[in-house]
Protein backbone atom coordinates (compact mmCIF):
# COMPACT_ATOMS: atom_id res chain seq x y z
CA UNK A 1 0.73 275.27 166.26
CA UNK A 2 -2.16 274.66 163.88
CA UNK A 3 -5.55 276.11 164.79
CA UNK A 4 -7.85 273.14 165.32
CA UNK A 5 -11.21 272.67 167.07
CA UNK A 6 -11.34 272.17 170.80
CA UNK A 7 -10.90 268.70 172.22
CA UNK A 8 -13.89 266.71 173.37
CA UNK A 9 -13.16 265.40 176.86
CA UNK A 10 -14.92 262.11 177.71
CA UNK A 11 -16.19 261.46 181.19
CA UNK A 12 -14.26 258.21 181.55
CA UNK A 13 -11.01 259.14 179.86
CA UNK A 14 -7.62 257.51 180.04
CA UNK A 15 -5.41 260.54 179.75
CA UNK A 16 -2.35 259.05 181.44
CA UNK A 17 -2.36 256.07 179.08
CA UNK A 18 -2.81 258.30 176.06
CA UNK A 19 0.12 260.48 177.11
CA UNK A 20 2.23 257.33 177.51
CA UNK A 21 1.34 256.12 174.01
CA UNK A 22 1.97 259.62 172.65
CA UNK A 23 5.45 259.61 174.21
CA UNK A 24 6.10 256.19 172.68
CA UNK A 25 5.22 257.56 169.24
CA UNK A 26 7.60 260.48 169.78
CA UNK A 27 10.34 258.04 170.74
CA UNK A 28 9.77 256.07 167.51
CA UNK A 29 10.00 259.36 165.60
CA UNK A 30 13.47 260.03 167.01
CA UNK A 31 12.97 262.12 170.16
CA UNK A 32 15.02 260.96 173.20
CA UNK A 33 12.19 260.47 175.71
CA UNK A 34 12.53 258.28 178.79
CA UNK A 35 10.12 257.15 181.53
CA UNK A 36 11.03 260.16 183.67
CA UNK A 37 9.84 262.58 181.01
CA UNK A 38 6.56 260.70 180.70
CA UNK A 39 5.92 260.93 184.46
CA UNK A 40 6.80 264.63 184.41
CA UNK A 41 4.36 265.21 181.55
CA UNK A 42 1.51 263.45 183.38
CA UNK A 43 2.15 265.47 186.53
CA UNK A 44 2.43 268.70 184.53
CA UNK A 45 -0.89 268.12 182.73
CA UNK A 46 -2.51 267.30 186.06
CA UNK A 47 -1.23 270.57 187.52
CA UNK A 48 -2.00 272.79 184.52
CA UNK A 49 -5.34 271.28 183.59
CA UNK A 50 -6.96 270.09 180.39
CA UNK A 51 -9.34 272.90 179.49
CA UNK A 52 -7.36 274.92 176.91
CA UNK A 53 -5.81 273.28 173.86
CA UNK A 54 -2.89 275.73 173.78
CA UNK A 55 -2.05 275.00 177.42
CA UNK A 56 -2.13 271.25 176.78
CA UNK A 57 0.10 271.57 173.69
CA UNK A 58 2.75 273.72 175.35
CA UNK A 59 2.72 271.66 178.54
CA UNK A 60 3.65 268.52 176.62
CA UNK A 61 6.03 270.56 174.47
CA UNK A 62 7.91 271.75 177.54
CA UNK A 63 8.26 268.18 178.84
CA UNK A 64 9.23 266.36 175.64
CA UNK A 65 11.06 268.83 173.37
CA UNK A 66 14.71 269.38 174.26
CA UNK A 67 16.21 270.61 170.97
CA UNK A 68 15.03 273.03 168.27
CA UNK A 69 15.08 270.35 165.56
CA UNK A 70 12.54 268.29 167.55
CA UNK A 71 9.81 270.94 167.33
CA UNK A 72 8.62 269.96 163.84
CA UNK A 73 8.41 266.28 164.71
CA UNK A 74 6.52 267.03 167.94
CA UNK A 75 4.06 269.31 166.14
CA UNK A 76 3.28 266.72 163.46
CA UNK A 77 2.89 263.81 165.90
CA UNK A 78 0.74 265.95 168.21
CA UNK A 79 -1.54 267.00 165.36
CA UNK A 80 -1.96 263.45 164.09
CA UNK A 81 -2.38 261.86 167.51
CA UNK A 82 -4.52 264.37 169.41
CA UNK A 83 -6.19 266.67 166.92
CA UNK A 84 -7.30 264.83 163.76
CA UNK A 85 -10.26 262.51 164.45
CA UNK A 86 -9.37 260.38 161.40
CA UNK A 87 -5.60 260.44 161.72
CA UNK A 88 -5.15 256.74 160.94
CA UNK A 89 -6.89 257.12 157.56
CA UNK A 90 -4.90 260.28 156.91
CA UNK A 91 -1.62 258.52 157.63
CA UNK A 92 -2.53 255.49 155.56
CA UNK A 93 -3.22 257.72 152.57
CA UNK A 94 0.00 259.61 153.15
CA UNK A 95 2.13 256.45 153.30
CA UNK A 96 0.75 255.03 150.02
CA UNK A 97 3.30 255.41 147.19
CA UNK A 98 1.97 257.87 144.62
CA UNK A 99 4.75 258.63 142.17
CA UNK A 100 4.44 260.37 138.85
CA UNK A 101 7.72 260.66 137.03
CA UNK A 102 10.43 261.85 139.39
CA UNK A 103 8.21 263.68 141.88
CA UNK A 104 5.44 262.63 144.28
CA UNK A 105 1.82 263.61 143.85
CA UNK A 106 1.53 265.12 147.32
CA UNK A 107 4.56 266.34 149.16
CA UNK A 108 4.38 265.78 152.89
CA UNK A 109 5.44 268.58 155.20
CA UNK A 110 8.75 268.42 157.04
CA UNK A 111 8.82 265.45 159.47
CA UNK A 112 5.25 264.45 158.51
CA UNK A 113 6.18 261.06 157.07
CA UNK A 114 8.36 260.26 160.07
CA UNK A 115 5.46 261.10 162.36
CA UNK A 116 3.15 258.86 160.35
CA UNK A 117 5.61 255.94 160.43
CA UNK A 118 6.02 256.34 164.20
CA UNK A 119 2.26 256.29 164.83
CA UNK A 120 1.55 253.44 162.42
CA UNK A 121 4.31 251.36 164.07
CA UNK A 122 4.53 248.81 161.30
CA UNK A 123 0.90 248.79 160.15
CA UNK A 124 0.40 248.70 156.41
CA UNK A 125 -2.45 250.19 154.38
CA UNK A 126 -5.16 247.84 153.18
CA UNK A 127 -4.40 247.08 149.54
CA UNK A 128 -6.56 244.94 147.25
CA UNK A 129 -5.33 241.41 147.17
CA UNK A 130 -4.71 239.62 143.90
CA UNK A 131 -7.20 236.74 143.55
CA UNK A 132 -5.54 233.39 143.27
CA UNK A 133 -6.75 230.76 140.87
CA UNK A 134 -6.60 227.02 141.56
CA UNK A 135 -4.17 226.63 138.66
CA UNK A 136 -1.56 228.81 140.33
CA UNK A 137 1.31 226.89 141.82
CA UNK A 138 3.20 227.77 144.95
CA UNK A 139 6.89 228.26 144.32
CA UNK A 140 9.39 228.03 147.15
CA UNK A 141 12.77 229.68 146.74
CA UNK A 142 15.79 228.83 148.82
CA UNK A 143 17.36 232.18 149.76
CA UNK A 144 20.04 230.79 152.06
CA UNK A 145 22.95 231.86 149.84
CA UNK A 146 21.42 234.93 148.24
CA UNK A 147 22.41 238.52 148.97
CA UNK A 148 20.59 240.46 151.68
CA UNK A 149 18.13 243.22 150.88
CA UNK A 150 20.54 245.90 152.08
CA UNK A 151 23.36 244.48 149.98
CA UNK A 152 21.11 244.48 146.91
CA UNK A 153 20.18 248.13 147.54
CA UNK A 154 23.84 249.10 147.67
CA UNK A 155 24.30 248.05 144.07
CA UNK A 156 20.92 249.20 142.73
CA UNK A 157 20.77 252.31 140.58
CA UNK A 158 19.03 255.27 142.25
CA UNK A 159 16.98 255.83 139.11
CA UNK A 160 15.63 252.25 139.17
CA UNK A 161 14.51 252.26 142.81
CA UNK A 162 10.87 252.22 143.81
CA UNK A 163 9.49 254.58 146.45
CA UNK A 164 9.98 252.01 149.23
CA UNK A 165 13.51 251.16 148.06
CA UNK A 166 14.45 254.83 147.85
CA UNK A 167 13.21 255.36 151.42
CA UNK A 168 15.35 252.46 152.61
CA UNK A 169 18.32 253.77 150.63
CA UNK A 170 17.99 257.17 152.29
CA UNK A 171 18.13 255.51 155.71
CA UNK A 172 21.34 253.73 154.67
CA UNK A 173 22.83 256.98 153.37
CA UNK A 174 22.06 258.68 156.69
CA UNK A 175 24.37 256.18 158.41
CA UNK A 176 27.32 256.64 156.05
CA UNK A 177 30.36 258.64 157.08
CA UNK A 178 33.07 260.41 155.12
CA UNK A 179 36.12 260.71 157.40
CA UNK A 180 39.21 262.62 156.35
CA UNK A 181 42.76 262.79 157.62
CA UNK A 182 44.17 266.02 159.07
CA UNK A 183 46.65 268.13 157.12
CA UNK A 184 50.12 268.72 158.55
CA UNK A 185 50.73 272.48 158.73
CA UNK A 186 54.03 274.34 158.54
CA UNK A 187 53.17 276.12 161.76
CA UNK A 188 54.32 274.52 165.00
CA UNK A 189 53.25 274.50 168.64
CA UNK A 190 55.04 273.78 171.92
CA UNK A 191 55.02 270.07 172.68
CA UNK A 192 57.20 268.22 175.18
CA UNK A 193 57.08 265.12 172.98
CA UNK A 194 57.59 266.93 169.70
CA UNK A 195 60.29 266.00 167.18
CA UNK A 196 61.37 269.56 166.30
CA UNK A 197 63.81 271.48 168.56
CA UNK A 198 62.67 274.85 169.89
CA UNK A 199 65.95 276.78 170.16
CA UNK A 200 64.40 280.07 171.26
CA UNK A 201 62.59 278.50 174.20
CA UNK A 202 65.71 276.48 175.01
CA UNK A 203 67.97 279.55 175.17
CA UNK A 204 65.38 281.54 177.13
CA UNK A 205 65.31 278.76 179.69
CA UNK A 206 69.10 278.72 179.78
CA UNK A 207 69.26 282.45 180.55
CA UNK A 208 67.11 281.86 183.61
CA UNK A 209 69.61 279.21 184.76
CA UNK A 210 72.73 281.35 184.42
CA UNK A 211 73.48 280.24 180.86
CA UNK A 212 73.37 276.51 181.57
CA UNK A 213 71.20 274.39 179.26
CA UNK A 214 69.45 271.82 181.41
CA UNK A 215 66.65 270.81 179.05
CA UNK A 216 65.74 271.07 175.38
CA UNK A 217 62.36 272.54 174.45
CA UNK A 218 60.56 270.84 171.62
CA UNK A 219 57.81 271.69 169.18
CA UNK A 220 55.42 269.71 166.96
CA UNK A 221 53.68 270.60 163.74
CA UNK A 222 50.09 271.77 163.95
CA UNK A 223 47.33 269.92 162.15
CA UNK A 224 44.29 271.43 160.48
CA UNK A 225 41.24 270.00 158.77
CA UNK A 226 40.23 270.68 155.16
CA UNK A 227 36.89 271.98 153.96
CA UNK A 228 34.48 269.88 151.92
CA UNK A 229 32.83 271.61 148.96
CA UNK A 230 30.12 269.78 147.00
CA UNK A 231 28.80 271.06 143.66
CA UNK A 232 25.67 269.07 142.78
CA UNK A 233 23.93 269.13 139.40
CA UNK A 234 20.11 269.29 139.82
CA UNK A 235 19.14 269.35 136.15
CA UNK A 236 16.46 267.07 134.71
CA UNK A 237 18.86 264.23 133.86
CA UNK A 238 20.35 264.31 137.38
CA UNK A 239 17.25 264.77 139.57
CA UNK A 240 17.05 261.19 140.91
CA UNK A 241 20.76 261.14 141.79
CA UNK A 242 20.96 264.65 143.24
CA UNK A 243 18.17 263.96 145.77
CA UNK A 244 20.00 260.89 147.09
CA UNK A 245 23.32 262.75 147.20
CA UNK A 246 21.78 265.61 149.18
CA UNK A 247 20.52 263.10 151.77
CA UNK A 248 24.07 261.79 152.06
CA UNK A 249 25.50 265.31 152.24
CA UNK A 250 23.05 266.22 155.03
CA UNK A 251 24.33 263.28 157.07
CA UNK A 252 27.94 264.37 156.50
CA UNK A 253 27.15 267.98 157.44
CA UNK A 254 25.48 267.03 160.74
CA UNK A 255 27.75 264.19 161.92
CA UNK A 256 30.50 265.15 164.34
CA UNK A 257 33.88 263.45 164.46
CA UNK A 258 34.48 263.16 160.71
CA UNK A 259 37.19 265.82 160.71
CA UNK A 260 35.91 268.35 158.17
CA UNK A 261 36.44 271.96 159.16
CA UNK A 262 33.32 273.08 157.26
CA UNK A 263 31.00 271.52 154.70
CA UNK A 264 29.74 273.77 151.90
CA UNK A 265 27.03 272.65 149.48
CA UNK A 266 26.06 274.24 146.16
CA UNK A 267 23.51 273.20 143.56
CA UNK A 268 23.53 274.24 139.93
CA UNK A 269 21.32 273.79 136.91
CA UNK A 270 20.79 277.02 135.06
CA UNK A 271 22.32 278.99 137.95
CA UNK A 272 24.42 278.44 141.08
CA UNK A 273 22.71 278.28 144.50
CA UNK A 274 24.33 278.06 147.92
CA UNK A 275 22.34 275.67 150.18
CA UNK A 276 24.92 275.36 152.98
CA UNK A 277 22.74 277.14 155.52
CA UNK A 278 19.67 275.08 154.65
CA UNK A 279 21.49 271.75 155.15
CA UNK A 280 22.52 272.71 158.67
CA UNK A 281 19.02 271.94 159.95
CA UNK A 282 19.06 268.78 162.05
CA UNK A 283 15.85 267.41 160.58
CA UNK A 284 16.54 266.01 157.12
CA UNK A 285 12.99 266.66 155.86
CA UNK A 286 13.10 270.31 156.87
CA UNK A 287 16.63 270.71 155.46
CA UNK A 288 15.80 269.33 152.04
CA UNK A 289 12.52 271.24 151.88
CA UNK A 290 14.39 274.48 152.57
CA UNK A 291 17.07 273.58 150.01
CA UNK A 292 14.41 272.86 147.39
CA UNK A 293 12.75 276.20 148.07
CA UNK A 294 16.10 278.00 147.76
CA UNK A 295 17.16 276.30 144.51
CA UNK A 296 14.46 277.21 141.99
CA UNK A 297 16.06 275.57 138.95
CA UNK A 298 15.31 271.94 139.83
CA UNK A 299 14.99 269.64 136.82
CA UNK A 300 15.78 272.43 134.38
CA UNK A 301 18.62 272.81 131.91
CA UNK A 302 22.35 272.46 132.54
CA UNK A 303 24.82 275.33 132.32
CA UNK A 304 28.01 273.98 133.88
CA UNK A 305 30.37 276.65 132.53
CA UNK A 306 28.25 279.57 133.80
CA UNK A 307 27.77 277.91 137.19
CA UNK A 308 31.48 277.22 137.64
CA UNK A 309 32.29 280.78 136.61
CA UNK A 310 29.88 282.08 139.26
CA UNK A 311 31.47 279.81 141.88
CA UNK A 312 35.04 280.81 141.00
CA UNK A 313 34.12 284.50 141.00
CA UNK A 314 31.91 284.73 144.10
CA UNK A 315 32.74 281.79 146.40
CA UNK A 316 36.18 280.37 145.63
CA UNK A 317 38.12 282.67 147.96
CA UNK A 318 35.61 282.14 150.78
CA UNK A 319 35.35 278.36 150.93
CA UNK A 320 38.41 276.91 149.15
CA UNK A 321 40.76 276.72 152.15
CA UNK A 322 42.57 273.42 151.41
CA UNK A 323 39.18 272.17 150.25
CA UNK A 324 38.31 268.80 148.77
CA UNK A 325 35.80 269.44 145.97
CA UNK A 326 33.23 266.84 144.88
CA UNK A 327 31.62 267.64 141.54
CA UNK A 328 28.44 265.64 140.82
CA UNK A 329 27.23 265.98 137.24
CA UNK A 330 26.83 263.97 134.04
CA UNK A 331 28.88 266.53 132.09
CA UNK A 332 26.17 267.23 129.49
CA UNK A 333 26.60 270.99 129.23
CA UNK A 334 24.58 273.44 127.13
CA UNK A 335 27.07 276.30 127.52
CA UNK A 336 29.90 277.13 125.16
CA UNK A 337 32.63 274.49 125.43
CA UNK A 338 35.28 277.19 125.14
CA UNK A 339 34.17 278.73 128.44
CA UNK A 340 34.11 275.43 130.35
CA UNK A 341 37.82 274.66 129.97
CA UNK A 342 39.24 277.71 131.81
CA UNK A 343 36.64 277.49 134.59
CA UNK A 344 37.20 273.81 135.39
CA UNK A 345 40.96 274.37 135.24
CA UNK A 346 40.71 277.22 137.74
CA UNK A 347 38.56 275.08 140.03
CA UNK A 348 41.13 272.28 139.85
CA UNK A 349 44.02 274.60 140.68
CA UNK A 350 42.13 276.07 143.66
CA UNK A 351 41.14 272.71 145.16
CA UNK A 352 43.27 270.38 147.20
CA UNK A 353 41.62 267.50 145.38
CA UNK A 354 38.85 267.48 142.75
CA UNK A 355 36.67 264.35 142.55
CA UNK A 356 34.08 263.98 139.80
CA UNK A 357 31.09 261.67 140.31
CA UNK A 358 29.31 260.88 137.06
CA UNK A 359 26.27 258.51 137.02
CA UNK A 360 26.83 257.81 133.31
CA UNK A 361 29.88 255.79 134.27
CA UNK A 362 27.54 252.95 135.31
CA UNK A 363 27.27 251.89 131.65
CA UNK A 364 29.87 249.35 130.51
CA UNK A 365 30.30 250.97 127.13
CA UNK A 366 30.69 254.52 128.44
CA UNK A 367 33.13 256.65 126.44
CA UNK A 368 33.98 260.37 126.76
CA UNK A 369 32.26 261.48 123.56
CA UNK A 370 30.33 264.52 124.84
CA UNK A 371 32.21 267.79 124.54
CA UNK A 372 31.71 268.74 128.18
CA UNK A 373 33.09 265.42 129.44
CA UNK A 374 36.12 265.63 127.14
CA UNK A 375 36.84 269.15 128.35
CA UNK A 376 36.49 268.44 132.08
CA UNK A 377 38.15 265.02 132.32
CA UNK A 378 41.83 266.16 132.15
CA UNK A 379 41.30 268.61 135.03
CA UNK A 380 39.97 266.22 137.70
CA UNK A 381 42.02 264.09 140.10
CA UNK A 382 39.56 261.21 140.33
CA UNK A 383 36.68 260.17 138.07
CA UNK A 384 34.15 257.82 139.65
CA UNK A 385 30.60 256.59 139.25
CA UNK A 386 27.90 258.09 141.45
CA UNK A 387 24.75 256.12 140.69
CA UNK A 388 24.27 253.96 143.82
CA UNK A 389 25.12 253.60 147.49
CA UNK A 390 28.27 251.59 146.83
CA UNK A 391 29.64 254.39 144.66
CA UNK A 392 29.10 256.93 147.44
CA UNK A 393 30.80 254.60 149.91
CA UNK A 394 33.87 254.60 147.65
CA UNK A 395 34.28 258.34 148.19
CA UNK A 396 36.18 257.66 151.42
CA UNK A 397 38.91 255.85 149.49
CA UNK A 398 39.06 258.55 146.82
CA UNK A 399 39.53 261.24 149.46
CA UNK A 400 42.04 259.44 151.68
CA UNK A 401 44.21 258.02 148.87
CA UNK A 402 45.96 260.79 146.86
CA UNK A 403 46.83 258.32 144.12
CA UNK A 404 43.25 257.17 143.52
CA UNK A 405 42.15 258.27 140.04
CA UNK A 406 39.15 255.98 139.60
CA UNK A 407 38.40 255.48 135.91
CA UNK A 408 40.28 258.56 134.72
CA UNK A 409 43.31 256.72 133.28
CA UNK A 410 41.15 254.34 131.23
CA UNK A 411 39.01 257.13 129.82
CA UNK A 412 41.95 259.45 129.13
CA UNK A 413 43.33 256.75 126.82
CA UNK A 414 40.14 257.05 124.75
CA UNK A 415 40.47 260.79 124.15
CA UNK A 416 43.17 260.68 121.46
CA UNK A 417 41.55 258.19 119.04
CA UNK A 418 38.17 259.96 119.12
């Protein structure tokens, strides 16, 4: 908890109402708080007292925080609501878009923007209005048959999105799922409705009945789930796409019921970095902040061959158990092309299925002219675009359909004439 000055207690305060509004802000920020928790918090504060700021903080913390991932959100909302005398101005300044290049001027702490949005509750900062002249005409547009805003975002390039559109796109990505079918194993288990006969169990049962076979034991094949391994390029040409993909990967890593045994995430630019542990955090802001601190080669150069060699040497045997591998890169490699071929071939042979997402595929006239793309293309099972939400939604089809090759066949036909 941040060290802040003591609270000034007015003589005619409305503490119960303030606690109620504070709980409402926490609910908007994502904490599951009901009326019972609010009543418990009011009674707890009445019993503990309101003299020490630490006591007041931990009393509300004990009543409203139920999971570890909720602590950051509670701390930020508490600081903005109870501690900062000018928290509205602070939040307004924090919500203003201030973008320079691919990064923001001021990076908010984990869960800070969510806390600000919950407290503002739809209020917008005061922006200077554009003065209208009498000559300006009012134009009315009939939008009855036009596409919705969400549908337009699905087809919009990540690199062309504004700050507000990127925030909305991240909320859409958080709702996406990537289900997978189980794998039929050679191992079997006892099952009364199974299709395979279990002769050993049948004969053992017959021995207990004096040699008479009264029933046939049956077995069924076991099923197991594959791993998902994502190798994401975070070089300068891929920064806008990699941030959106990591939001999507965080949602896949923390959503139950999709079938993946484990989800492993790696980033690479000039070196390979394992961010699997960082993405396990429930709060997406905290997860991506930890991943950014772990991967120190953001927006640097690209060394695909060296990164794949490090993965094949150090991590392949640990994570490639019937794994589906998603490689996200534009294929513009600065390493020696002779080293890239054996490494991508080894990765393909170790994977159950290798899917390559390349944002350059969004261009109509794209052709495999770069040396890295020409070297990697024959060793992937599916080659798809990865520049917008719709492309990420198509991953489910690429994973579930073994015959899906995306644009690989069309581009392979271009390799010989070049």
